[in-house]
């Protein structure tokens, strides 16, 4: 599976400067496009790279209007190249509202019913409705990728093992249990600081806060992986061996759950290859900037 890792959108806001000698204002710049080492790239090159990837992660600052404007521009450009062989996924929509989302996209229910029932973010109308409406207008698949917030809250209070107590119906919205998870020193420190602010100085609660993020990351990685499969009727993977999986965001979980085929090399040694569809789809996934991979 090929992930678009090397192109980064640098959002600069409006930059104004004055020459010390001439006192002449420069042209305002709303954004710059650069690669992972800071080299300028064109929009066309960005889209060419994105169109060749299986999954494109678009990290955003949730309250930055340039981010949301660029998301729509990228989606429009990819749709011109990929047609309906393109899927949009959003962190901002939770897995258990997929039916509601599908009914809205199919124009079965009204926008009001969709808004009343889908637990939309406060800035949905201005920032995310344009991309969802574009997908709706062009017949694109849209997936709600995040874990239902009530289950993230459960883990935040009781830890990952609490998910085992859920009903079979509830587990339909989760990745296969148990969740592979291993804390890192960096993530533990970050979540410990957050836990001290929110919960007070309790070691167990800090750990649960980190695990709550892990179930979000795992669910989103799993939901994306299900839309890379060659058939919508392929059964989901069974319980996977629990191996250490450090808390590194969505990418490790997506790599874990992504469909793979077993092959043998010239020396008859088995190896795993990510699924490559003949007509390659692309999933564009909108997430927070902290979850977007950079190399």
C-alpha atoms as a PDB file:
ATOM      1  CA  UNK A   1       0.000   0.000   0.000  1.00  0.00           C
ATOM      2  CA  UNK A   2       1.382   3.342  -1.028  1.00  0.00           C
ATOM      3  CA  UNK A   3       0.785   6.291   1.286  1.00  0.00           C
ATOM      4  CA  UNK A   4       1.352   9.870   0.257  1.00  0.00           C
ATOM      5  CA  UNK A   5       3.905  10.943   2.858  1.00  0.00           C
ATOM      6  CA  UNK A   6       6.230  13.375   1.173  1.00  0.00           C
ATOM      7  CA  UNK A   7       4.103  16.349   0.224  1.00  0.00           C
ATOM      8  CA  UNK A   8       3.134  18.779   2.954  1.00  0.00           C
ATOM      9  CA  UNK A   9       0.841  21.765   2.724  1.00  0.00           C
ATOM     10  CA  UNK A  10       2.406  24.660   4.578  1.00  0.00           C
ATOM     11  CA  UNK A  11      -0.334  27.038   5.639  1.00  0.00           C
ATOM     12  CA  UNK A  12       1.101  30.442   6.220  1.00  0.00           C
ATOM     13  CA  UNK A  13      -1.998  32.608   6.550  1.00  0.00           C
ATOM     14  CA  UNK A  14      -1.661  36.038   4.931  1.00  0.00           C
ATOM     15  CA  UNK A  15       1.924  37.214   5.052  1.00  0.00           C
ATOM     16  CA  UNK A  16       2.654  40.896   4.858  1.00  0.00           C
ATOM     17  CA  UNK A  17       6.120  42.460   4.995  1.00  0.00           C
ATOM     18  CA  UNK A  18       7.602  45.875   4.385  1.00  0.00           C
ATOM     19  CA  UNK A  19      10.943  46.568   2.816  1.00  0.00           C
ATOM     20  CA  UNK A  20      13.125  48.457   5.261  1.00  0.00           C
ATOM     21  CA  UNK A  21      14.366  50.745   2.541  1.00  0.00           C
ATOM     22  CA  UNK A  22      11.470  51.192   0.129  1.00  0.00           C
ATOM     23  CA  UNK A  23       8.608  50.569   2.584  1.00  0.00           C
ATOM     24  CA  UNK A  24       6.858  48.702  -0.250  1.00  0.00           C
ATOM     25  CA  UNK A  25       4.326  46.002   0.592  1.00  0.00           C
ATOM     26  CA  UNK A  26       4.899  42.556  -0.926  1.00  0.00           C
ATOM     27  CA  UNK A  27       2.173  40.485  -2.559  1.00  0.00           C
ATOM     28  CA  UNK A  28       0.052  38.725   0.126  1.00  0.00           C
ATOM     29  CA  UNK A  29       0.531  34.942   0.163  1.00  0.00           C
ATOM     30  CA  UNK A  30      -2.279  32.755   1.503  1.00  0.00           C
ATOM     31  CA  UNK A  31      -0.406  29.434   1.349  1.00  0.00           C
ATOM     32  CA  UNK A  32       2.700  27.687   0.055  1.00  0.00           C
ATOM     33  CA  UNK A  33       3.113  24.116  -1.160  1.00  0.00           C
ATOM     34  CA  UNK A  34       6.339  22.400  -0.150  1.00  0.00           C
ATOM     35  CA  UNK A  35       7.605  18.833   0.097  1.00  0.00           C
ATOM     36  CA  UNK A  36       8.839  17.153   3.264  1.00  0.00           C
ATOM     37  CA  UNK A  37      12.199  18.929   3.149  1.00  0.00           C
ATOM     38  CA  UNK A  38      10.759  22.348   2.378  1.00  0.00           C
ATOM     39  CA  UNK A  39      11.251  22.457  -1.396  1.00  0.00           C
ATOM     40  CA  UNK A  40       8.492  24.287  -3.297  1.00  0.00           C
ATOM     41  CA  UNK A  41       6.173  22.095  -5.366  1.00  0.00           C
ATOM     42  CA  UNK A  42       3.391  22.944  -7.761  1.00  0.00           C
ATOM     43  CA  UNK A  43      -0.243  22.071  -7.208  1.00  0.00           C
ATOM     44  CA  UNK A  44      -0.170  19.888 -10.326  1.00  0.00           C
ATOM     45  CA  UNK A  45       2.752  17.878  -8.956  1.00  0.00           C
ATOM     46  CA  UNK A  46       0.960  17.441  -5.636  1.00  0.00           C
ATOM     47  CA  UNK A  47      -2.127  16.091  -7.411  1.00  0.00           C
ATOM     48  CA  UNK A  48      -0.033  13.791  -9.612  1.00  0.00           C
ATOM     49  CA  UNK A  49       1.587  12.282  -6.545  1.00  0.00           C
ATOM     50  CA  UNK A  50      -1.724  12.029  -4.725  1.00  0.00           C
ATOM     51  CA  UNK A  51      -3.476  10.370  -7.663  1.00  0.00           C
ATOM     52  CA  UNK A  52      -0.878   7.583  -7.629  1.00  0.00           C
ATOM     53  CA  UNK A  53      -1.373   6.762  -3.945  1.00  0.00           C
ATOM     54  CA  UNK A  54      -3.777   4.299  -2.366  1.00  0.00           C
ATOM     55  CA  UNK A  55      -4.445   6.608   0.586  1.00  0.00           C
ATOM     56  CA  UNK A  56      -3.920  10.359   0.857  1.00  0.00           C
ATOM     57  CA  UNK A  57      -3.876  11.842   4.357  1.00  0.00           C
ATOM     58  CA  UNK A  58      -4.784  15.531   4.475  1.00  0.00           C
ATOM     59  CA  UNK A  59      -3.776  16.954   7.832  1.00  0.00           C
ATOM     60  CA  UNK A  60      -5.544  20.137   8.848  1.00  0.00           C
ATOM     61  CA  UNK A  61      -5.814  22.747  11.520  1.00  0.00           C
ATOM     62  CA  UNK A  62      -9.496  22.436  12.347  1.00  0.00           C
ATOM     63  CA  UNK A  63     -10.108  26.184  12.511  1.00  0.00           C
ATOM     64  CA  UNK A  64      -7.958  27.200   9.532  1.00  0.00           C
ATOM     65  CA  UNK A  65     -10.109  28.231   6.543  1.00  0.00           C
ATOM     66  CA  UNK A  66      -7.236  27.811   4.061  1.00  0.00           C
ATOM     67  CA  UNK A  67      -6.988  24.135   5.067  1.00  0.00           C
ATOM     68  CA  UNK A  68     -10.632  23.550   4.270  1.00  0.00           C
ATOM     69  CA  UNK A  69     -10.466  25.520   1.021  1.00  0.00           C
ATOM     70  CA  UNK A  70      -7.469  23.451  -0.092  1.00  0.00           C
ATOM     71  CA  UNK A  71      -9.200  20.192   0.845  1.00  0.00           C
ATOM     72  CA  UNK A  72     -11.964  21.002  -1.594  1.00  0.00           C
ATOM     73  CA  UNK A  73      -9.492  22.005  -4.323  1.00  0.00           C
ATOM     74  CA  UNK A  74      -7.565  18.741  -3.885  1.00  0.00           C
ATOM     75  CA  UNK A  75     -10.742  16.667  -3.934  1.00  0.00           C
ATOM     76  CA  UNK A  76     -11.949  18.421  -7.091  1.00  0.00           C
ATOM     77  CA  UNK A  77      -8.612  17.871  -8.848  1.00  0.00           C
ATOM     78  CA  UNK A  78      -8.442  14.206  -7.875  1.00  0.00           C
ATOM     79  CA  UNK A  79     -12.015  13.627  -9.008  1.00  0.00           C
ATOM     80  CA  UNK A  80     -11.113  14.989 -12.439  1.00  0.00           C
ATOM     81  CA  UNK A  81      -8.399  12.336 -12.719  1.00  0.00           C
ATOM     82  CA  UNK A  82      -9.993   9.425 -10.870  1.00  0.00           C
ATOM     83  CA  UNK A  83     -13.686   9.862 -11.587  1.00  0.00           C
ATOM     84  CA  UNK A  84     -15.745   7.717  -9.232  1.00  0.00           C
ATOM     85  CA  UNK A  85     -12.700   5.625  -8.352  1.00  0.00           C
ATOM     86  CA  UNK A  86     -12.232   7.896  -5.361  1.00  0.00           C
ATOM     87  CA  UNK A  87     -13.427   7.715  -1.758  1.00  0.00           C
ATOM     88  CA  UNK A  88     -13.582  10.457   0.856  1.00  0.00           C
ATOM     89  CA  UNK A  89     -13.102   9.633   4.538  1.00  0.00           C
ATOM     90  CA  UNK A  90     -13.473  11.993   7.485  1.00  0.00           C
ATOM     91  CA  UNK A  91     -12.223  11.833  11.046  1.00  0.00           C
ATOM     92  CA  UNK A  92     -15.057  14.219  11.869  1.00  0.00           C
ATOM     93  CA  UNK A  93     -17.759  11.580  11.259  1.00  0.00           C
ATOM     94  CA  UNK A  94     -18.215   8.552  13.537  1.00  0.00           C
ATOM     95  CA  UNK A  95     -18.613   4.996  12.278  1.00  0.00           C
ATOM     96  CA  UNK A  96     -22.099   4.415  13.695  1.00  0.00           C
ATOM     97  CA  UNK A  97     -23.612   7.186  11.569  1.00  0.00           C
ATOM     98  CA  UNK A  98     -22.570   5.529   8.291  1.00  0.00           C
ATOM     99  CA  UNK A  99     -26.151   4.541   7.476  1.00  0.00           C
ATOM    100  CA  UNK A 100     -27.349   8.101   8.080  1.00  0.00           C
ATOM    101  CA  UNK A 101     -24.516   9.409   5.894  1.00  0.00           C
ATOM    102  CA  UNK A 102     -25.320   6.909   3.123  1.00  0.00           C
ATOM    103  CA  UNK A 103     -29.000   7.881   3.199  1.00  0.00           C
ATOM    104  CA  UNK A 104     -28.074  11.555   2.961  1.00  0.00           C
ATOM    105  CA  UNK A 105     -25.727  10.917   0.022  1.00  0.00           C
ATOM    106  CA  UNK A 106     -28.477   8.930  -1.704  1.00  0.00           C
ATOM    107  CA  UNK A 107     -30.935  11.800  -1.066  1.00  0.00           C
ATOM    108  CA  UNK A 108     -33.133   9.433   0.920  1.00  0.00           C
ATOM    109  CA  UNK A 109     -33.179  11.751   3.916  1.00  0.00           C
ATOM    110  CA  UNK A 110     -33.148  15.527   4.017  1.00  0.00           C
ATOM    111  CA  UNK A 111     -30.115  17.653   4.955  1.00  0.00           C
ATOM    112  CA  UNK A 112     -31.999  18.617   8.126  1.00  0.00           C
ATOM    113  CA  UNK A 113     -32.485  14.985   9.181  1.00  0.00           C
ATOM    114  CA  UNK A 114     -28.819  14.320   8.442  1.00  0.00           C
ATOM    115  CA  UNK A 115     -27.757  17.306  10.529  1.00  0.00           C
ATOM    116  CA  UNK A 116     -30.094  16.400  13.387  1.00  0.00           C
ATOM    117  CA  UNK A 117     -28.855  12.812  13.688  1.00  0.00           C
ATOM    118  CA  UNK A 118     -25.212  12.721  12.595  1.00  0.00           C
ATOM    119  CA  UNK A 119     -23.621  14.524  15.584  1.00  0.00           C
ATOM    120  CA  UNK A 120     -21.831  16.975  13.290  1.00  0.00           C
ATOM    121  CA  UNK A 121     -19.006  19.197  14.486  1.00  0.00           C
ATOM    122  CA  UNK A 122     -19.909  22.855  15.188  1.00  0.00           C
ATOM    123  CA  UNK A 123     -17.894  23.995  12.133  1.00  0.00           C
ATOM    124  CA  UNK A 124     -19.288  21.293   9.834  1.00  0.00           C
ATOM    125  CA  UNK A 125     -21.519  23.573   7.781  1.00  0.00           C
ATOM    126  CA  UNK A 126     -18.739  25.992   6.832  1.00  0.00           C
ATOM    127  CA  UNK A 127     -15.738  23.635   6.714  1.00  0.00           C
ATOM    128  CA  UNK A 128     -16.788  20.054   5.903  1.00  0.00           C
ATOM    129  CA  UNK A 129     -20.144  20.336   4.183  1.00  0.00           C
ATOM    130  CA  UNK A 130     -18.482  21.628   0.962  1.00  0.00           C
ATOM    131  CA  UNK A 131     -16.360  18.468   0.526  1.00  0.00           C
ATOM    132  CA  UNK A 132     -19.191  16.115   1.496  1.00  0.00           C
ATOM    133  CA  UNK A 133     -21.587  17.948  -0.819  1.00  0.00           C
ATOM    134  CA  UNK A 134     -19.045  17.723  -3.654  1.00  0.00           C
ATOM    135  CA  UNK A 135     -18.772  13.970  -3.072  1.00  0.00           C
ATOM    136  CA  UNK A 136     -22.562  13.700  -3.001  1.00  0.00           C
ATOM    137  CA  UNK A 137     -22.924  15.701  -6.204  1.00  0.00           C
ATOM    138  CA  UNK A 138     -20.365  13.512  -8.028  1.00  0.00           C
ATOM    139  CA  UNK A 139     -21.449  10.127  -6.709  1.00  0.00           C
ATOM    140  CA  UNK A 140     -18.350   9.505  -4.588  1.00  0.00           C
ATOM    141  CA  UNK A 141     -18.284   7.138  -1.623  1.00  0.00           C
ATOM    142  CA  UNK A 142     -17.906   8.879   1.759  1.00  0.00           C
ATOM    143  CA  UNK A 143     -16.921   6.943   4.878  1.00  0.00           C
ATOM    144  CA  UNK A 144     -17.331   7.930   8.507  1.00  0.00           C
ATOM    145  CA  UNK A 145     -14.072   6.666   9.980  1.00  0.00           C
ATOM    146  CA  UNK A 146     -13.870   7.618  13.643  1.00  0.00           C
ATOM    147  CA  UNK A 147     -14.851   5.496  16.634  1.00  0.00           C
ATOM    148  CA  UNK A 148     -18.207   6.408  18.211  1.00  0.00           C
ATOM    149  CA  UNK A 149     -17.299   8.879  20.912  1.00  0.00           C
ATOM    150  CA  UNK A 150     -19.132   6.912  23.619  1.00  0.00           C
ATOM    151  CA  UNK A 151     -16.637   4.060  23.192  1.00  0.00           C
ATOM    152  CA  UNK A 152     -13.653   6.416  23.256  1.00  0.00           C
ATOM    153  CA  UNK A 153     -15.123   7.786  26.488  1.00  0.00           C
ATOM    154  CA  UNK A 154     -15.466   4.232  27.838  1.00  0.00           C
ATOM    155  CA  UNK A 155     -11.767   3.584  27.205  1.00  0.00           C
ATOM    156  CA  UNK A 156     -10.881   6.958  28.689  1.00  0.00           C
ATOM    157  CA  UNK A 157     -12.605   5.895  31.926  1.00  0.00           C
ATOM    158  CA  UNK A 158     -11.777   2.181  32.096  1.00  0.00           C
ATOM    159  CA  UNK A 159      -9.064   1.379  29.570  1.00  0.00           C
ATOM    160  CA  UNK A 160      -8.971  -0.763  26.424  1.00  0.00           C
ATOM    161  CA  UNK A 161     -10.037  -4.026  28.158  1.00  0.00           C
ATOM    162  CA  UNK A 162     -13.462  -2.446  28.768  1.00  0.00           C
ATOM    163  CA  UNK A 163     -14.232  -2.863  25.063  1.00  0.00           C
ATOM    164  CA  UNK A 164     -14.523  -6.620  25.574  1.00  0.00           C
ATOM    165  CA  UNK A 165     -17.697  -6.034  27.582  1.00  0.00           C
ATOM    166  CA  UNK A 166     -19.518  -4.500  24.605  1.00  0.00           C
ATOM    167  CA  UNK A 167     -22.200  -6.354  22.685  1.00  0.00           C
ATOM    168  CA  UNK A 168     -21.550  -7.945  19.313  1.00  0.00           C
ATOM    169  CA  UNK A 169     -23.600  -5.180  17.707  1.00  0.00           C
ATOM    170  CA  UNK A 170     -21.467  -2.479  19.335  1.00  0.00           C
ATOM    171  CA  UNK A 171     -18.255  -4.192  18.227  1.00  0.00           C
ATOM    172  CA  UNK A 172     -19.350  -3.811  14.594  1.00  0.00           C
ATOM    173  CA  UNK A 173     -18.075  -0.237  14.840  1.00  0.00           C
ATOM    174  CA  UNK A 174     -14.661  -1.242  16.181  1.00  0.00           C
ATOM    175  CA  UNK A 175     -11.589  -2.908  14.708  1.00  0.00           C
ATOM    176  CA  UNK A 176     -10.929  -6.540  15.706  1.00  0.00           C
ATOM    177  CA  UNK A 177     -10.290  -6.847  19.432  1.00  0.00           C
ATOM    178  CA  UNK A 178      -8.048  -6.771  21.347  1.00  0.00           C
ATOM    179  CA  UNK A 179      -6.323  -3.623  20.119  1.00  0.00           C
ATOM    180  CA  UNK A 180      -2.552  -3.894  19.739  1.00  0.00           C
ATOM    181  CA  UNK A 181      -1.086  -1.010  21.705  1.00  0.00           C
ATOM    182  CA  UNK A 182       2.185  -0.055  23.305  1.00  0.00           C
ATOM    183  CA  UNK A 183       2.897   3.303  24.848  1.00  0.00           C
ATOM    184  CA  UNK A 184       5.989   5.275  23.897  1.00  0.00           C
ATOM    185  CA  UNK A 185       7.909   7.676  26.098  1.00  0.00           C
ATOM    186  CA  UNK A 186       6.997  10.601  23.865  1.00  0.00           C
ATOM    187  CA  UNK A 187       3.278   9.841  23.664  1.00  0.00           C
ATOM    188  CA  UNK A 188       3.090   8.965  27.351  1.00  0.00           C
ATOM    189  CA  UNK A 189       4.596  12.330  28.244  1.00  0.00           C
ATOM    190  CA  UNK A 190       2.176  14.206  25.998  1.00  0.00           C
ATOM    191  CA  UNK A 191      -0.897  12.413  27.309  1.00  0.00           C
ATOM    192  CA  UNK A 192       0.347  12.677  30.889  1.00  0.00           C
ATOM    193  CA  UNK A 193       0.380  16.457  30.513  1.00  0.00           C
ATOM    194  CA  UNK A 194      -3.128  16.369  29.041  1.00  0.00           C
ATOM    195  CA  UNK A 195      -4.299  14.060  31.803  1.00  0.00           C
ATOM    196  CA  UNK A 196      -2.934  16.352  34.505  1.00  0.00           C
ATOM    197  CA  UNK A 197      -4.963  19.202  33.061  1.00  0.00           C
ATOM    198  CA  UNK A 198      -8.153  17.215  32.619  1.00  0.00           C
ATOM    199  CA  UNK A 199      -8.148  14.542  35.281  1.00  0.00           C
ATOM    200  CA  UNK A 200      -5.571  15.499  37.857  1.00  0.00           C
ATOM    201  CA  UNK A 201      -2.396  13.614  38.708  1.00  0.00           C
ATOM    202  CA  UNK A 202      -3.602  10.007  38.430  1.00  0.00           C
ATOM    203  CA  UNK A 203      -1.331   7.578  36.593  1.00  0.00           C
ATOM    204  CA  UNK A 204      -4.127   5.191  35.594  1.00  0.00           C
ATOM    205  CA  UNK A 205      -6.249   7.944  34.091  1.00  0.00           C
ATOM    206  CA  UNK A 206      -3.281   9.266  32.090  1.00  0.00           C
ATOM    207  CA  UNK A 207      -2.758   5.810  30.631  1.00  0.00           C
ATOM    208  CA  UNK A 208      -6.450   5.552  29.758  1.00  0.00           C
ATOM    209  CA  UNK A 209      -6.302   8.886  27.926  1.00  0.00           C
ATOM    210  CA  UNK A 210      -3.538   7.492  25.729  1.00  0.00           C
ATOM    211  CA  UNK A 211      -5.504   4.294  25.131  1.00  0.00           C
ATOM    212  CA  UNK A 212      -8.573   6.328  24.151  1.00  0.00           C
ATOM    213  CA  UNK A 213      -6.526   7.924  21.382  1.00  0.00           C
ATOM    214  CA  UNK A 214      -5.329   4.473  20.347  1.00  0.00           C
ATOM    215  CA  UNK A 215      -8.886   3.180  19.826  1.00  0.00           C
ATOM    216  CA  UNK A 216      -9.591   6.224  17.649  1.00  0.00           C
ATOM    217  CA  UNK A 217      -6.454   5.627  15.579  1.00  0.00           C
ATOM    218  CA  UNK A 218      -7.103   1.894  15.294  1.00  0.00           C
ATOM    219  CA  UNK A 219     -10.729   2.396  14.254  1.00  0.00           C
ATOM    220  CA  UNK A 220      -9.829   4.932  11.601  1.00  0.00           C
ATOM    221  CA  UNK A 221      -7.030   2.749  10.247  1.00  0.00           C
ATOM    222  CA  UNK A 222      -9.362  -0.239  10.126  1.00  0.00           C
ATOM    223  CA  UNK A 223     -12.217   1.659   8.492  1.00  0.00           C
ATOM    224  CA  UNK A 224      -9.908   2.947   5.776  1.00  0.00           C
ATOM    225  CA  UNK A 225      -8.463  -0.535   5.217  1.00  0.00           C
ATOM    226  CA  UNK A 226     -11.928  -1.986   4.614  1.00  0.00           C
ATOM    227  CA  UNK A 227     -12.333   0.299   1.618  1.00  0.00           C
ATOM    228  CA  UNK A 228      -9.080  -0.906   0.066  1.00  0.00           C
ATOM    229  CA  UNK A 229     -10.351  -4.452  -0.161  1.00  0.00           C
ATOM    230  CA  UNK A 230     -11.017  -6.075  -3.556  1.00  0.00           C
ATOM    231  CA  UNK A 231     -14.576  -7.002  -2.592  1.00  0.00           C
ATOM    232  CA  UNK A 232     -17.107  -5.362  -0.329  1.00  0.00           C
ATOM    233  CA  UNK A 233     -18.158  -8.858   0.727  1.00  0.00           C
ATOM    234  CA  UNK A 234     -14.728  -9.975   1.904  1.00  0.00           C
ATOM    235  CA  UNK A 235     -15.066 -10.846   5.600  1.00  0.00           C
ATOM    236  CA  UNK A 236     -13.115  -8.702   8.061  1.00  0.00           C
ATOM    237  CA  UNK A 237      -9.904 -10.116   9.535  1.00  0.00           C
ATOM    238  CA  UNK A 238     -10.203 -12.291  12.591  1.00  0.00           C
ATOM    239  CA  UNK A 239      -8.372 -11.656  15.834  1.00  0.00           C
ATOM    240  CA  UNK A 240      -4.803 -10.700  15.046  1.00  0.00           C
ATOM    241  CA  UNK A 241      -1.766 -11.765  17.086  1.00  0.00           C
ATOM    242  CA  UNK A 242      -0.997  -9.129  19.682  1.00  0.00           C
ATOM    243  CA  UNK A 243       2.421  -7.757  18.847  1.00  0.00           C
ATOM    244  CA  UNK A 244       3.824  -4.499  20.220  1.00  0.00           C
ATOM    245  CA  UNK A 245       2.436  -1.593  18.228  1.00  0.00           C
ATOM    246  CA  UNK A 246       3.729   1.735  19.381  1.00  0.00           C
ATOM    247  CA  UNK A 247       1.348   4.652  19.535  1.00  0.00           C
ATOM    248  CA  UNK A 248       2.267   6.331  16.243  1.00  0.00           C
ATOM    249  CA  UNK A 249      -1.104   7.504  14.959  1.00  0.00           C
ATOM    250  CA  UNK A 250      -3.151   6.037  12.125  1.00  0.00           C
ATOM    251  CA  UNK A 251      -0.386   4.703   9.867  1.00  0.00           C
ATOM    252  CA  UNK A 252       0.704   1.684  11.960  1.00  0.00           C
ATOM    253  CA  UNK A 253      -2.898   0.516  12.305  1.00  0.00           C
ATOM    254  CA  UNK A 254      -3.683   1.046   8.631  1.00  0.00           C
ATOM    255  CA  UNK A 255      -0.584  -0.962   7.724  1.00  0.00           C
ATOM    256  CA  UNK A 256      -1.669  -3.684  10.131  1.00  0.00           C
ATOM    257  CA  UNK A 257      -5.214  -4.006   8.830  1.00  0.00           C
ATOM    258  CA  UNK A 258      -4.628  -3.340   5.121  1.00  0.00           C
ATOM    259  CA  UNK A 259      -5.463  -6.298   2.861  1.00  0.00           C
ATOM    260  CA  UNK A 260      -2.431  -8.350   1.914  1.00  0.00           C
ATOM    261  CA  UNK A 261      -1.702 -11.329  -0.281  1.00  0.00           C
ATOM    262  CA  UNK A 262       0.863 -14.031   0.502  1.00  0.00           C
ATOM    263  CA  UNK A 263       3.338 -14.758  -2.286  1.00  0.00           C
ATOM    264  CA  UNK A 264       6.622 -16.657  -2.618  1.00  0.00           C
ATOM    265  CA  UNK A 265       9.841 -15.202  -3.987  1.00  0.00           C
ATOM    266  CA  UNK A 266      12.385 -16.831  -6.315  1.00  0.00           C
ATOM    267  CA  UNK A 267      13.815 -18.747  -3.371  1.00  0.00           C
ATOM    268  CA  UNK A 268      10.387 -20.055  -2.306  1.00  0.00           C
ATOM    269  CA  UNK A 269      10.344 -17.783   0.720  1.00  0.00           C
ATOM    270  CA  UNK A 270       6.909 -16.414   1.688  1.00  0.00           C
ATOM    271  CA  UNK A 271       6.363 -12.688   1.788  1.00  0.00           C
ATOM    272  CA  UNK A 272       3.399 -10.377   2.180  1.00  0.00           C
ATOM    273  CA  UNK A 273       2.291  -7.901  -0.472  1.00  0.00           C
ATOM    274  CA  UNK A 274      -0.313  -5.214  -0.025  1.00  0.00           C
ATOM    275  CA  UNK A 275      -3.381  -5.628  -2.202  1.00  0.00           C
ATOM    276  CA  UNK A 276      -3.108  -3.813  -5.533  1.00  0.00           C
ATOM    277  CA  UNK A 277      -6.464  -3.434  -7.328  1.00  0.00           C
ATOM    278  CA  UNK A 278      -6.396  -3.408 -11.106  1.00  0.00           C
ATOM    279  CA  UNK A 279      -8.213  -0.070 -11.216  1.00  0.00           C
ATOM    280  CA  UNK A 280      -6.521   1.658  -8.371  1.00  0.00           C
ATOM    281  CA  UNK A 281      -8.828   3.564  -6.021  1.00  0.00           C
ATOM    282  CA  UNK A 282      -7.681   6.435  -3.865  1.00  0.00           C
ATOM    283  CA  UNK A 283      -9.007   7.199  -0.390  1.00  0.00           C
ATOM    284  CA  UNK A 284      -8.701  10.842   0.677  1.00  0.00           C
ATOM    285  CA  UNK A 285      -8.889  11.046   4.437  1.00  0.00           C
ATOM    286  CA  UNK A 286      -9.299  14.310   6.357  1.00  0.00           C
ATOM    287  CA  UNK A 287      -7.697  14.362   9.794  1.00  0.00           C
ATOM    288  CA  UNK A 288      -5.996  16.652  12.272  1.00  0.00           C
ATOM    289  CA  UNK A 289      -2.511  17.919  11.414  1.00  0.00           C
ATOM    290  CA  UNK A 290      -1.011  15.941  14.321  1.00  0.00           C
ATOM    291  CA  UNK A 291      -2.173  12.674  12.720  1.00  0.00           C
ATOM    292  CA  UNK A 292      -0.844  13.469   9.255  1.00  0.00           C
ATOM    293  CA  UNK A 293       2.414  11.638   8.454  1.00  0.00           C
ATOM    294  CA  UNK A 294       5.512  13.591   7.566  1.00  0.00           C
ATOM    295  CA  UNK A 295       8.866  12.154   6.521  1.00  0.00           C
END
